[in-house]
Amino acid sequence: MSIEKIETSVESVKRARRYLEERGITLSKGSVDDFRRYVAHLVSHSENSYDELASVARYINLLGMNDVSIYYSSILGGASVLPSIRERLSRIAGEDLCDRVFSQVSQPPLGSEASAYPSATKQLMDRLRDELPREGYRLVLAGNHHRISDQAFAEQKKWLEEMGDVDAWLTRVHDAAVTELEGHLINNRIWYEQVITQDVVDLVKEDQEILSGVRVGDWIYTKKIPFFPQAYIDEKNPRLKRYYMCHCPLAREAILSGDPRIPSDWCYCSAGYAKFRYDVVFGEETEVEMLESVLSGSDKCRFRVRIPERWKEAHP
């Protein structure tokens, strides 16, 4: 970060500390509810910028306050999604159509609880289905809406170029993912929003589709790791199991309540996230198909990505 960005980030943390101390709470001892009230305070005063929230989230993460860190991830994880969909829709279908769609979407303010988002997601899906054919809105949704940097997969791209073998590359990606999870388990560190246990490591280790993929013909089949992985492993109730699987902060709460009923095609947004690794590694935008998702009634989120022509022969 620049010096200026560092200084403004420090000031954001100091503001959070003052707010909590005025209420007799030490920042490092604050609970999820304490920080939830602080975020609500920022929202009510229109001080809920991404940088304001993210600065505190980074500090909390470094303090090892896992529960509070997961809370911040839940309110920030979808921050880029609707703006990114709007940008991609405008690029693909034009500004006028984009304006018609988003004029009917009531987007909650940043920092809102997850329960505030499903109604906006349903509004967006209804408008997309009104304005575009199915393949058109699936294409819009299947973008890099979490705005992941290409650099996140630069090393994996290098591996494939060195190996020249898609199957062996997928195995290497999976082995590296398992090793990374084992490191987080040993050091009791949050992995993105997930608490890693031995059960979680074993779940991934036993299924190469999770955090990597398995090649079948011209396609790579891949699954999402559950969002709440240990709870997912332990849960027997089908609805709760689907809830614990779901990563989407814009739809997850609707699984519990059943209202609103969000079309499963919304999961093409997740498909876009799943395929971005392959877009980067193969050097071109890939075709993706959603096979199963929690919004379609499955307890898995599973996709397949088509291998580009020039890589189809890259196997023994």
C-alpha atoms as a PDB file:
ATOM      1  CA  MET A   1       0.000   0.000   0.000  1.00  0.00           C
ATOM      2  CA  SER A   2       0.981   3.619  -0.418  1.00  0.00           C
ATOM      3  CA  ILE A   3       1.883   5.608   2.694  1.00  0.00           C
ATOM      4  CA  GLU A   4      -1.347   7.573   2.264  1.00  0.00           C
ATOM      5  CA  LYS A   5      -3.424   4.364   2.104  1.00  0.00           C
ATOM      6  CA  ILE A   6      -1.654   2.988   5.177  1.00  0.00           C
ATOM      7  CA  GLU A   7      -2.361   6.176   7.133  1.00  0.00           C
ATOM      8  CA  THR A   8      -6.054   6.216   6.218  1.00  0.00           C
ATOM      9  CA  SER A   9      -6.305   2.524   7.130  1.00  0.00           C
ATOM     10  CA  VAL A  10      -4.764   3.186  10.540  1.00  0.00           C
ATOM     11  CA  GLU A  11      -7.258   6.009  11.104  1.00  0.00           C
ATOM     12  CA  SER A  12     -10.121   3.618  10.288  1.00  0.00           C
ATOM     13  CA  VAL A  13      -8.878   1.208  12.956  1.00  0.00           C
ATOM     14  CA  LYS A  14      -8.512   4.061  15.466  1.00  0.00           C
ATOM     15  CA  ARG A  15     -12.127   5.104  14.833  1.00  0.00           C
ATOM     16  CA  ALA A  16     -13.311   1.569  15.507  1.00  0.00           C
ATOM     17  CA  ARG A  17     -11.209   1.413  18.655  1.00  0.00           C
ATOM     18  CA  ARG A  18     -12.609   4.720  19.957  1.00  0.00           C
ATOM     19  CA  TYR A  19     -16.198   3.626  19.264  1.00  0.00           C
ATOM     20  CA  LEU A  20     -15.713   0.413  21.215  1.00  0.00           C
ATOM     21  CA  GLU A  21     -13.740   1.998  24.068  1.00  0.00           C
ATOM     22  CA  GLU A  22     -16.474   4.600  24.572  1.00  0.00           C
ATOM     23  CA  ARG A  23     -18.716   1.617  25.295  1.00  0.00           C
ATOM     24  CA  GLY A  24     -16.247  -0.036  27.637  1.00  0.00           C
ATOM     25  CA  ILE A  25     -15.022  -2.607  25.098  1.00  0.00           C
ATOM     26  CA  THR A  26     -11.398  -3.329  24.236  1.00  0.00           C
ATOM     27  CA  LEU A  27     -11.079  -3.817  20.496  1.00  0.00           C
ATOM     28  CA  SER A  28      -9.133  -7.078  20.766  1.00  0.00           C
ATOM     29  CA  LYS A  29     -11.833  -8.449  23.101  1.00  0.00           C
ATOM     30  CA  GLY A  30     -14.803  -7.342  20.983  1.00  0.00           C
ATOM     31  CA  SER A  31     -17.444  -9.873  20.002  1.00  0.00           C
ATOM     32  CA  VAL A  32     -19.146 -10.326  16.654  1.00  0.00           C
ATOM     33  CA  ASP A  33     -22.184  -8.466  18.031  1.00  0.00           C
ATOM     34  CA  ASP A  34     -19.961  -5.562  19.161  1.00  0.00           C
ATOM     35  CA  PHE A  35     -18.565  -5.169  15.649  1.00  0.00           C
ATOM     36  CA  ARG A  36     -21.974  -5.711  14.094  1.00  0.00           C
ATOM     37  CA  ARG A  37     -23.251  -2.720  16.080  1.00  0.00           C
ATOM     38  CA  TYR A  38     -20.231  -0.692  14.972  1.00  0.00           C
ATOM     39  CA  VAL A  39     -20.862  -1.495  11.309  1.00  0.00           C
ATOM     40  CA  ALA A  40     -24.546  -0.568  11.744  1.00  0.00           C
ATOM     41  CA  HIS A  41     -23.355   2.756  13.202  1.00  0.00           C
ATOM     42  CA  LEU A  42     -21.194   3.371  10.117  1.00  0.00           C
ATOM     43  CA  VAL A  43     -24.085   2.504   7.794  1.00  0.00           C
ATOM     44  CA  SER A  44     -26.451   4.863   9.621  1.00  0.00           C
ATOM     45  CA  HIS A  45     -23.931   7.709   9.263  1.00  0.00           C
ATOM     46  CA  SER A  46     -23.062   6.901   5.618  1.00  0.00           C
ATOM     47  CA  GLU A  47     -19.475   6.143   6.651  1.00  0.00           C
ATOM     48  CA  ASN A  48     -19.562   2.565   5.374  1.00  0.00           C
ATOM     49  CA  SER A  49     -17.056   2.790   2.527  1.00  0.00           C
ATOM     50  CA  TYR A  50     -15.279  -0.383   1.451  1.00  0.00           C
ATOM     51  CA  ASP A  51     -11.933   0.948   2.667  1.00  0.00           C
ATOM     52  CA  GLU A  52     -13.379   1.879   6.064  1.00  0.00           C
ATOM     53  CA  LEU A  53     -14.721  -1.631   6.589  1.00  0.00           C
ATOM     54  CA  ALA A  54     -11.828  -3.508   4.978  1.00  0.00           C
ATOM     55  CA  SER A  55      -9.184  -1.708   7.035  1.00  0.00           C
ATOM     56  CA  VAL A  56     -10.731  -2.950  10.259  1.00  0.00           C
ATOM     57  CA  ALA A  57     -11.273  -6.389   8.744  1.00  0.00           C
ATOM     58  CA  ARG A  58      -7.566  -6.706   7.915  1.00  0.00           C
ATOM     59  CA  TYR A  59      -6.575  -5.630  11.424  1.00  0.00           C
ATOM     60  CA  ILE A  60      -9.009  -8.079  13.015  1.00  0.00           C
ATOM     61  CA  ASN A  61      -7.631 -10.868  10.859  1.00  0.00           C
ATOM     62  CA  LEU A  62      -4.056 -10.104  11.947  1.00  0.00           C
ATOM     63  CA  LEU A  63      -5.158 -10.214  15.590  1.00  0.00           C
ATOM     64  CA  GLY A  64      -6.427 -13.759  15.021  1.00  0.00           C
ATOM     65  CA  MET A  65     -10.022 -12.872  15.988  1.00  0.00           C
ATOM     66  CA  ASN A  66     -11.434 -15.625  13.806  1.00  0.00           C
ATOM     67  CA  ASP A  67     -15.157 -15.235  14.513  1.00  0.00           C
ATOM     68  CA  VAL A  68     -15.097 -11.473  13.919  1.00  0.00           C
ATOM     69  CA  SER A  69     -12.930 -11.965  10.839  1.00  0.00           C
ATOM     70  CA  ILE A  70     -15.489 -14.357   9.384  1.00  0.00           C
ATOM     71  CA  TYR A  71     -18.249 -11.799  10.095  1.00  0.00           C
ATOM     72  CA  TYR A  72     -16.345  -9.107   8.179  1.00  0.00           C
ATOM     73  CA  SER A  73     -15.762 -11.522   5.304  1.00  0.00           C
ATOM     74  CA  SER A  74     -19.506 -12.181   5.190  1.00  0.00           C
ATOM     75  CA  ILE A  75     -20.369  -8.504   4.740  1.00  0.00           C
ATOM     76  CA  LEU A  76     -17.521  -7.696   2.362  1.00  0.00           C
ATOM     77  CA  GLY A  77     -17.347 -10.879   0.293  1.00  0.00           C
ATOM     78  CA  GLY A  78     -20.029  -9.797  -2.167  1.00  0.00           C
ATOM     79  CA  ALA A  79     -19.147  -6.105  -2.293  1.00  0.00           C
ATOM     80  CA  SER A  80     -17.891  -6.173  -5.868  1.00  0.00           C
ATOM     81  CA  VAL A  81     -20.510  -8.525  -7.308  1.00  0.00           C
ATOM     82  CA  LEU A  82     -23.416  -6.247  -8.233  1.00  0.00           C
ATOM     83  CA  PRO A  83     -21.191  -3.399  -9.510  1.00  0.00           C
ATOM     84  CA  SER A  84     -19.216  -5.929 -11.574  1.00  0.00           C
ATOM     85  CA  ILE A  85     -22.368  -7.512 -13.030  1.00  0.00           C
ATOM     86  CA  ARG A  86     -23.586  -4.042 -13.946  1.00  0.00           C
ATOM     87  CA  GLU A  87     -20.302  -3.284 -15.717  1.00  0.00           C
ATOM     88  CA  ARG A  88     -20.306  -6.591 -17.640  1.00  0.00           C
ATOM     89  CA  LEU A  89     -23.990  -6.242 -18.550  1.00  0.00           C
ATOM     90  CA  SER A  90     -23.353  -2.757 -19.924  1.00  0.00           C
ATOM     91  CA  ARG A  91     -20.414  -4.023 -21.969  1.00  0.00           C
ATOM     92  CA  ILE A  92     -22.304  -7.016 -23.383  1.00  0.00           C
ATOM     93  CA  ALA A  93     -25.831  -5.631 -23.824  1.00  0.00           C
ATOM     94  CA  GLY A  94     -25.445  -1.862 -23.793  1.00  0.00           C
ATOM     95  CA  GLU A  95     -25.882   0.969 -21.330  1.00  0.00           C
ATOM     96  CA  ASP A  96     -29.610   1.492 -21.953  1.00  0.00           C
ATOM     97  CA  LEU A  97     -30.547  -2.111 -21.212  1.00  0.00           C
ATOM     98  CA  CYS A  98     -28.243  -2.086 -18.183  1.00  0.00           C
ATOM     99  CA  ASP A  99     -29.972   1.014 -16.815  1.00  0.00           C
ATOM    100  CA  ARG A 100     -33.400  -0.573 -17.310  1.00  0.00           C
ATOM    101  CA  VAL A 101     -32.327  -3.670 -15.386  1.00  0.00           C
ATOM    102  CA  PHE A 102     -30.640  -1.957 -12.445  1.00  0.00           C
ATOM    103  CA  SER A 103     -33.293   0.737 -12.072  1.00  0.00           C
ATOM    104  CA  GLN A 104     -35.476  -2.044 -10.641  1.00  0.00           C
ATOM    105  CA  VAL A 105     -32.873  -3.421  -8.215  1.00  0.00           C
ATOM    106  CA  SER A 106     -32.824  -2.136  -4.621  1.00  0.00           C
ATOM    107  CA  GLN A 107     -29.213  -2.718  -3.608  1.00  0.00           C
ATOM    108  CA  PRO A 108     -28.628  -2.796   0.182  1.00  0.00           C
ATOM    109  CA  PRO A 109     -25.918  -0.497   1.562  1.00  0.00           C
ATOM    110  CA  LEU A 110     -22.460  -1.997   2.032  1.00  0.00           C
ATOM    111  CA  GLY A 111     -22.173  -3.581   5.454  1.00  0.00           C
ATOM    112  CA  SER A 112     -25.779  -4.804   5.489  1.00  0.00           C
ATOM    113  CA  GLU A 113     -26.551  -8.185   6.988  1.00  0.00           C
ATOM    114  CA  ALA A 114     -26.715 -11.116   4.578  1.00  0.00           C
ATOM    115  CA  SER A 115     -30.487 -11.328   5.022  1.00  0.00           C
ATOM    116  CA  ALA A 116     -30.860  -7.976   3.219  1.00  0.00           C
ATOM    117  CA  TYR A 117     -29.496  -9.258  -0.095  1.00  0.00           C
ATOM    118  CA  PRO A 118     -31.715 -12.082  -1.443  1.00  0.00           C
ATOM    119  CA  SER A 119     -34.561  -9.740  -2.385  1.00  0.00           C
ATOM    120  CA  ALA A 120     -32.145  -7.633  -4.477  1.00  0.00           C
ATOM    121  CA  THR A 121     -30.758 -10.785  -6.082  1.00  0.00           C
ATOM    122  CA  LYS A 122     -34.266 -11.934  -6.999  1.00  0.00           C
ATOM    123  CA  GLN A 123     -35.056  -8.508  -8.463  1.00  0.00           C
ATOM    124  CA  LEU A 124     -31.902  -8.647 -10.565  1.00  0.00           C
ATOM    125  CA  MET A 125     -32.629 -12.153 -11.852  1.00  0.00           C
ATOM    126  CA  ASP A 126     -36.222 -11.216 -12.731  1.00  0.00           C
ATOM    127  CA  ARG A 127     -35.051  -8.198 -14.705  1.00  0.00           C
ATOM    128  CA  LEU A 128     -32.258 -10.112 -16.470  1.00  0.00           C
ATOM    129  CA  ARG A 129     -34.734 -12.807 -17.527  1.00  0.00           C
ATOM    130  CA  ASP A 130     -37.126 -10.133 -18.802  1.00  0.00           C
ATOM    131  CA  GLU A 131     -34.468  -8.403 -20.895  1.00  0.00           C
ATOM    132  CA  LEU A 132     -32.155 -11.164 -22.133  1.00  0.00           C
ATOM    133  CA  PRO A 133     -32.331 -14.713 -23.472  1.00  0.00           C
ATOM    134  CA  ARG A 134     -31.074 -17.404 -21.141  1.00  0.00           C
ATOM    135  CA  GLU A 135     -27.675 -17.768 -22.773  1.00  0.00           C
ATOM    136  CA  GLY A 136     -27.297 -13.989 -22.686  1.00  0.00           C
ATOM    137  CA  TYR A 137     -27.833 -13.521 -18.967  1.00  0.00           C
ATOM    138  CA  ARG A 138     -25.817 -16.648 -18.143  1.00  0.00           C
ATOM    139  CA  LEU A 139     -22.913 -15.077 -20.046  1.00  0.00           C
ATOM    140  CA  VAL A 140     -23.331 -11.841 -18.077  1.00  0.00           C
ATOM    141  CA  LEU A 141     -23.382 -13.681 -14.752  1.00  0.00           C
ATOM    142  CA  ALA A 142     -20.396 -15.933 -15.521  1.00  0.00           C
ATOM    143  CA  GLY A 143     -17.770 -13.219 -15.168  1.00  0.00           C
ATOM    144  CA  ASN A 144     -14.997 -12.550 -12.682  1.00  0.00           C
ATOM    145  CA  HIS A 145     -17.371 -10.641 -10.414  1.00  0.00           C
ATOM    146  CA  HIS A 146     -15.237 -11.018  -7.307  1.00  0.00           C
ATOM    147  CA  ARG A 147     -12.519  -9.259  -9.316  1.00  0.00           C
ATOM    148  CA  ILE A 148      -9.819 -11.763  -8.539  1.00  0.00           C
ATOM    149  CA  SER A 149      -6.416 -10.719  -9.872  1.00  0.00           C
ATOM    150  CA  ASP A 150      -4.821 -12.764 -12.641  1.00  0.00           C
ATOM    151  CA  GLN A 151      -1.797 -12.961 -10.362  1.00  0.00           C
ATOM    152  CA  ALA A 152      -3.715 -15.289  -8.040  1.00  0.00           C
ATOM    153  CA  PHE A 153      -3.210 -18.034 -10.632  1.00  0.00           C
ATOM    154  CA  ALA A 154       0.084 -16.913 -12.189  1.00  0.00           C
ATOM    155  CA  GLU A 155       2.048 -19.725 -10.558  1.00  0.00           C
ATOM    156  CA  GLN A 156      -0.501 -22.327 -11.664  1.00  0.00           C
ATOM    157  CA  LYS A 157      -0.298 -20.977 -15.210  1.00  0.00           C
ATOM    158  CA  LYS A 158       3.469 -21.422 -15.087  1.00  0.00           C
ATOM    159  CA  TRP A 159       3.052 -25.019 -13.864  1.00  0.00           C
ATOM    160  CA  LEU A 160       0.855 -25.906 -16.849  1.00  0.00           C
ATOM    161  CA  GLU A 161       3.234 -24.286 -19.307  1.00  0.00           C
ATOM    162  CA  GLU A 162       6.122 -26.257 -17.799  1.00  0.00           C
ATOM    163  CA  MET A 163       4.268 -29.563 -17.569  1.00  0.00           C
ATOM    164  CA  GLY A 164       2.286 -29.395 -20.817  1.00  0.00           C
ATOM    165  CA  ASP A 165      -0.123 -31.960 -19.383  1.00  0.00           C
ATOM    166  CA  VAL A 166      -3.581 -30.922 -18.191  1.00  0.00           C
ATOM    167  CA  ASP A 167      -4.185 -34.084 -16.144  1.00  0.00           C
ATOM    168  CA  ALA A 168      -0.864 -33.919 -14.304  1.00  0.00           C
ATOM    169  CA  TRP A 169      -1.368 -30.189 -13.784  1.00  0.00           C
ATOM    170  CA  LEU A 170      -4.766 -30.751 -12.142  1.00  0.00           C
ATOM    171  CA  THR A 171      -3.183 -33.263  -9.771  1.00  0.00           C
ATOM    172  CA  ARG A 172      -0.462 -30.788  -8.855  1.00  0.00           C
ATOM    173  CA  VAL A 173      -3.018 -28.026  -8.203  1.00  0.00           C
ATOM    174  CA  HIS A 174      -4.965 -30.367  -5.924  1.00  0.00           C
ATOM    175  CA  ASP A 175      -1.867 -31.488  -4.016  1.00  0.00           C
ATOM    176  CA  ALA A 176      -0.870 -27.845  -3.482  1.00  0.00           C
ATOM    177  CA  ALA A 177      -4.357 -27.007  -2.189  1.00  0.00           C
ATOM    178  CA  VAL A 178      -4.259 -29.858   0.323  1.00  0.00           C
ATOM    179  CA  THR A 179      -0.807 -28.741   1.509  1.00  0.00           C
ATOM    180  CA  GLU A 180      -2.081 -25.178   1.940  1.00  0.00           C
ATOM    181  CA  LEU A 181      -5.053 -26.354   4.004  1.00  0.00           C
ATOM    182  CA  GLU A 182      -2.806 -28.517   6.162  1.00  0.00           C
ATOM    183  CA  GLY A 183      -0.685 -25.434   6.890  1.00  0.00           C
ATOM    184  CA  HIS A 184      -3.734 -23.467   7.977  1.00  0.00           C
ATOM    185  CA  LEU A 185      -4.850 -26.351  10.172  1.00  0.00           C
ATOM    186  CA  ILE A 186      -1.474 -26.591  11.903  1.00  0.00           C
ATOM    187  CA  ASN A 187      -1.268 -22.833  12.475  1.00  0.00           C
ATOM    188  CA  ASN A 188      -4.972 -22.339  13.361  1.00  0.00           C
ATOM    189  CA  ARG A 189      -5.391 -19.719  10.624  1.00  0.00           C
ATOM    190  CA  ILE A 190      -8.580 -18.801   8.817  1.00  0.00           C
ATOM    191  CA  TRP A 191      -8.460 -19.870   5.167  1.00  0.00           C
ATOM    192  CA  TYR A 192     -10.453 -17.137   3.409  1.00  0.00           C
ATOM    193  CA  GLU A 193     -13.681 -17.381   5.480  1.00  0.00           C
ATOM    194  CA  GLN A 194     -13.223 -21.024   6.483  1.00  0.00           C
ATOM    195  CA  VAL A 195     -12.059 -22.621   9.719  1.00  0.00           C
ATOM    196  CA  ILE A 196      -9.941 -25.607   8.713  1.00  0.00           C
ATOM    197  CA  THR A 197     -10.189 -28.888  10.634  1.00  0.00           C
ATOM    198  CA  GLN A 198      -8.748 -32.325   9.923  1.00  0.00           C
ATOM    199  CA  ASP A 199     -12.170 -33.364   8.587  1.00  0.00           C
ATOM    200  CA  VAL A 200     -12.021 -30.499   6.081  1.00  0.00           C
ATOM    201  CA  VAL A 201      -8.513 -31.437   4.966  1.00  0.00           C
ATOM    202  CA  ASP A 202      -9.675 -35.038   4.505  1.00  0.00           C
ATOM    203  CA  LEU A 203     -12.763 -33.946   2.537  1.00  0.00           C
ATOM    204  CA  VAL A 204     -10.591 -32.070   0.045  1.00  0.00           C
ATOM    205  CA  LYS A 205      -7.849 -34.695  -0.027  1.00  0.00           C
ATOM    206  CA  GLU A 206     -10.340 -37.393  -1.000  1.00  0.00           C
ATOM    207  CA  ASP A 207     -11.962 -35.445  -3.855  1.00  0.00           C
ATOM    208  CA  GLN A 208      -9.765 -33.882  -6.529  1.00  0.00           C
ATOM    209  CA  GLU A 209     -12.734 -31.950  -7.939  1.00  0.00           C
ATOM    210  CA  ILE A 210     -12.625 -29.729  -4.815  1.00  0.00           C
ATOM    211  CA  LEU A 211     -10.123 -26.844  -5.212  1.00  0.00           C
ATOM    212  CA  SER A 212      -8.916 -28.382  -8.471  1.00  0.00           C
ATOM    213  CA  GLY A 213     -10.659 -30.537 -11.067  1.00  0.00           C
ATOM    214  CA  VAL A 214     -10.893 -33.857 -12.852  1.00  0.00           C
ATOM    215  CA  ARG A 215     -10.649 -34.077 -16.617  1.00  0.00           C
ATOM    216  CA  VAL A 216     -13.255 -36.138 -18.489  1.00  0.00           C
ATOM    217  CA  GLY A 217     -12.861 -35.839 -22.251  1.00  0.00           C
ATOM    218  CA  ASP A 218     -12.901 -32.183 -23.260  1.00  0.00           C
ATOM    219  CA  TRP A 219     -14.191 -30.974 -19.880  1.00  0.00           C
ATOM    220  CA  ILE A 220     -12.782 -30.306 -16.414  1.00  0.00           C
ATOM    221  CA  TYR A 221     -15.243 -31.090 -13.611  1.00  0.00           C
ATOM    222  CA  THR A 222     -14.891 -29.026 -10.447  1.00  0.00           C
ATOM    223  CA  LYS A 223     -16.755 -28.544  -7.148  1.00  0.00           C
ATOM    224  CA  LYS A 224     -16.871 -25.761  -4.581  1.00  0.00           C
ATOM    225  CA  ILE A 225     -15.531 -26.415  -1.109  1.00  0.00           C
ATOM    226  CA  PRO A 226     -18.380 -25.835   1.412  1.00  0.00           C
ATOM    227  CA  PHE A 227     -18.527 -22.316   2.811  1.00  0.00           C
ATOM    228  CA  PHE A 228     -18.941 -23.654   6.358  1.00  0.00           C
ATOM    229  CA  PRO A 229     -17.044 -26.898   5.755  1.00  0.00           C
ATOM    230  CA  GLN A 230     -17.089 -28.546   9.181  1.00  0.00           C
ATOM    231  CA  ALA A 231     -20.768 -27.713   9.725  1.00  0.00           C
ATOM    232  CA  TYR A 232     -21.495 -29.101   6.245  1.00  0.00           C
ATOM    233  CA  ILE A 233     -19.678 -32.344   7.029  1.00  0.00           C
ATOM    234  CA  ASP A 234     -21.566 -32.786  10.310  1.00  0.00           C
ATOM    235  CA  GLU A 235     -25.038 -31.703   9.147  1.00  0.00           C
ATOM    236  CA  LYS A 236     -27.798 -34.195   8.327  1.00  0.00           C
ATOM    237  CA  ASN A 237     -30.665 -31.773   7.645  1.00  0.00           C
ATOM    238  CA  PRO A 238     -30.819 -31.307   3.821  1.00  0.00           C
ATOM    239  CA  ARG A 239     -31.773 -27.617   3.922  1.00  0.00           C
ATOM    240  CA  LEU A 240     -29.057 -26.739   6.430  1.00  0.00           C
ATOM    241  CA  LYS A 241     -26.518 -28.765   4.471  1.00  0.00           C
ATOM    242  CA  ARG A 242     -27.302 -26.687   1.379  1.00  0.00           C
ATOM    243  CA  TYR A 243     -26.989 -23.528   3.472  1.00  0.00           C
ATOM    244  CA  TYR A 244     -23.590 -24.559   4.788  1.00  0.00           C
ATOM    245  CA  MET A 245     -22.423 -25.313   1.244  1.00  0.00           C
ATOM    246  CA  CYS A 246     -23.409 -21.935  -0.238  1.00  0.00           C
ATOM    247  CA  HIS A 247     -20.714 -19.274  -0.681  1.00  0.00           C
ATOM    248  CA  CYS A 248     -22.988 -16.582  -2.079  1.00  0.00           C
ATOM    249  CA  PRO A 249     -23.668 -13.722   0.377  1.00  0.00           C
ATOM    250  CA  LEU A 250     -26.331 -12.435  -2.018  1.00  0.00           C
ATOM    251  CA  ALA A 251     -28.427 -15.624  -1.933  1.00  0.00           C
ATOM    252  CA  ARG A 252     -27.426 -17.816   1.025  1.00  0.00           C
ATOM    253  CA  GLU A 253     -30.053 -16.620   3.505  1.00  0.00           C
ATOM    254  CA  ALA A 254     -32.865 -17.426   1.061  1.00  0.00           C
ATOM    255  CA  ILE A 255     -31.949 -21.112   1.369  1.00  0.00           C
ATOM    256  CA  LEU A 256     -32.925 -21.057   5.046  1.00  0.00           C
ATOM    257  CA  SER A 257     -36.130 -19.088   4.671  1.00  0.00           C
ATOM    258  CA  GLY A 258     -37.188 -20.383   1.249  1.00  0.00           C
ATOM    259  CA  ASP A 259     -38.140 -16.808   0.370  1.00  0.00           C
ATOM    260  CA  PRO A 260     -37.508 -15.322  -2.089  1.00  0.00           C
ATOM    261  CA  ARG A 261     -37.060 -18.243  -4.450  1.00  0.00           C
ATOM    262  CA  ILE A 262     -33.965 -17.336  -6.425  1.00  0.00           C
ATOM    263  CA  PRO A 263     -33.574 -19.094  -9.808  1.00  0.00           C
ATOM    264  CA  SER A 264     -30.705 -21.572  -9.936  1.00  0.00           C
ATOM    265  CA  ASP A 265     -29.278 -19.746 -12.959  1.00  0.00           C
ATOM    266  CA  TRP A 266     -28.026 -17.167 -10.439  1.00  0.00           C
ATOM    267  CA  CYS A 267     -25.304 -19.738  -9.716  1.00  0.00           C
ATOM    268  CA  TYR A 268     -23.716 -18.890 -13.067  1.00  0.00           C
ATOM    269  CA  CYS A 269     -22.134 -16.094 -11.042  1.00  0.00           C
ATOM    270  CA  SER A 270     -20.434 -18.811  -8.980  1.00  0.00           C
ATOM    271  CA  ALA A 271     -19.629 -20.621 -12.218  1.00  0.00           C
ATOM    272  CA  GLY A 272     -17.772 -17.500 -13.325  1.00  0.00           C
ATOM    273  CA  TYR A 273     -15.707 -17.632 -10.155  1.00  0.00           C
ATOM    274  CA  ALA A 274     -15.013 -21.349 -10.687  1.00  0.00           C
ATOM    275  CA  LYS A 275     -13.860 -20.908 -14.278  1.00  0.00           C
ATOM    276  CA  PHE A 276     -11.645 -17.850 -13.752  1.00  0.00           C
ATOM    277  CA  ARG A 277      -8.688 -20.032 -12.771  1.00  0.00           C
ATOM    278  CA  TYR A 278      -8.964 -21.736 -16.170  1.00  0.00           C
ATOM    279  CA  ASP A 279      -9.419 -18.456 -18.033  1.00  0.00           C
ATOM    280  CA  VAL A 280      -6.076 -17.319 -16.630  1.00  0.00           C
ATOM    281  CA  VAL A 281      -4.204 -20.592 -16.966  1.00  0.00           C
ATOM    282  CA  PHE A 282      -5.412 -21.357 -20.512  1.00  0.00           C
ATOM    283  CA  GLY A 283      -5.016 -17.742 -21.612  1.00  0.00           C
ATOM    284  CA  GLU A 284      -8.576 -17.271 -22.901  1.00  0.00           C
ATOM    285  CA  GLU A 285     -12.132 -17.063 -21.621  1.00  0.00           C
ATOM    286  CA  THR A 286     -13.489 -20.572 -21.183  1.00  0.00           C
ATOM    287  CA  GLU A 287     -16.982 -22.003 -21.514  1.00  0.00           C
ATOM    288  CA  VAL A 288     -18.608 -23.080 -18.249  1.00  0.00           C
ATOM    289  CA  GLU A 289     -21.719 -25.075 -17.416  1.00  0.00           C
ATOM    290  CA  MET A 290     -23.414 -25.258 -14.036  1.00  0.00           C
ATOM    291  CA  LEU A 291     -24.271 -28.903 -13.287  1.00  0.00           C
ATOM    292  CA  GLU A 292     -25.536 -28.804  -9.687  1.00  0.00           C
ATOM    293  CA  SER A 293     -26.081 -26.057  -7.131  1.00  0.00           C
ATOM    294  CA  VAL A 294     -27.763 -25.503  -3.811  1.00  0.00           C
ATOM    295  CA  LEU A 295     -30.364 -23.321  -5.546  1.00  0.00           C
ATOM    296  CA  SER A 296     -31.281 -26.257  -7.780  1.00  0.00           C
ATOM    297  CA  GLY A 297     -31.822 -28.454  -4.707  1.00  0.00           C
ATOM    298  CA  SER A 298     -28.447 -30.210  -4.616  1.00  0.00           C
ATOM    299  CA  ASP A 299     -26.126 -30.166  -1.629  1.00  0.00           C
ATOM    300  CA  LYS A 300     -23.188 -29.634  -4.010  1.00  0.00           C
ATOM    301  CA  CYS A 301     -22.103 -26.807  -6.282  1.00  0.00           C
ATOM    302  CA  ARG A 302     -20.534 -28.489  -9.305  1.00  0.00           C
ATOM    303  CA  PHE A 303     -19.478 -27.115 -12.670  1.00  0.00           C
ATOM    304  CA  ARG A 304     -17.634 -28.168 -15.772  1.00  0.00           C
ATOM    305  CA  VAL A 305     -15.261 -26.051 -17.842  1.00  0.00           C
ATOM    306  CA  ARG A 306     -14.495 -26.803 -21.470  1.00  0.00           C
ATOM    307  CA  ILE A 307     -10.807 -27.183 -22.285  1.00  0.00           C
ATOM    308  CA  PRO A 308      -9.818 -24.853 -25.169  1.00  0.00           C
ATOM    309  CA  GLU A 309      -8.881 -26.476 -28.472  1.00  0.00           C
ATOM    310  CA  ARG A 310      -5.167 -25.846 -28.213  1.00  0.00           C
ATOM    311  CA  TRP A 311      -4.981 -27.632 -24.842  1.00  0.00           C
ATOM    312  CA  LYS A 312      -7.190 -30.644 -25.626  1.00  0.00           C
ATOM    313  CA  GLU A 313      -4.244 -32.802 -26.605  1.00  0.00           C
ATOM    314  CA  ALA A 314      -2.207 -31.801 -23.548  1.00  0.00           C
ATOM    315  CA  HIS A 315      -2.317 -35.164 -21.790  1.00  0.00           C
ATOM    316  CA  PRO A 316      -0.394 -38.435 -21.959  1.00  0.00           C
END
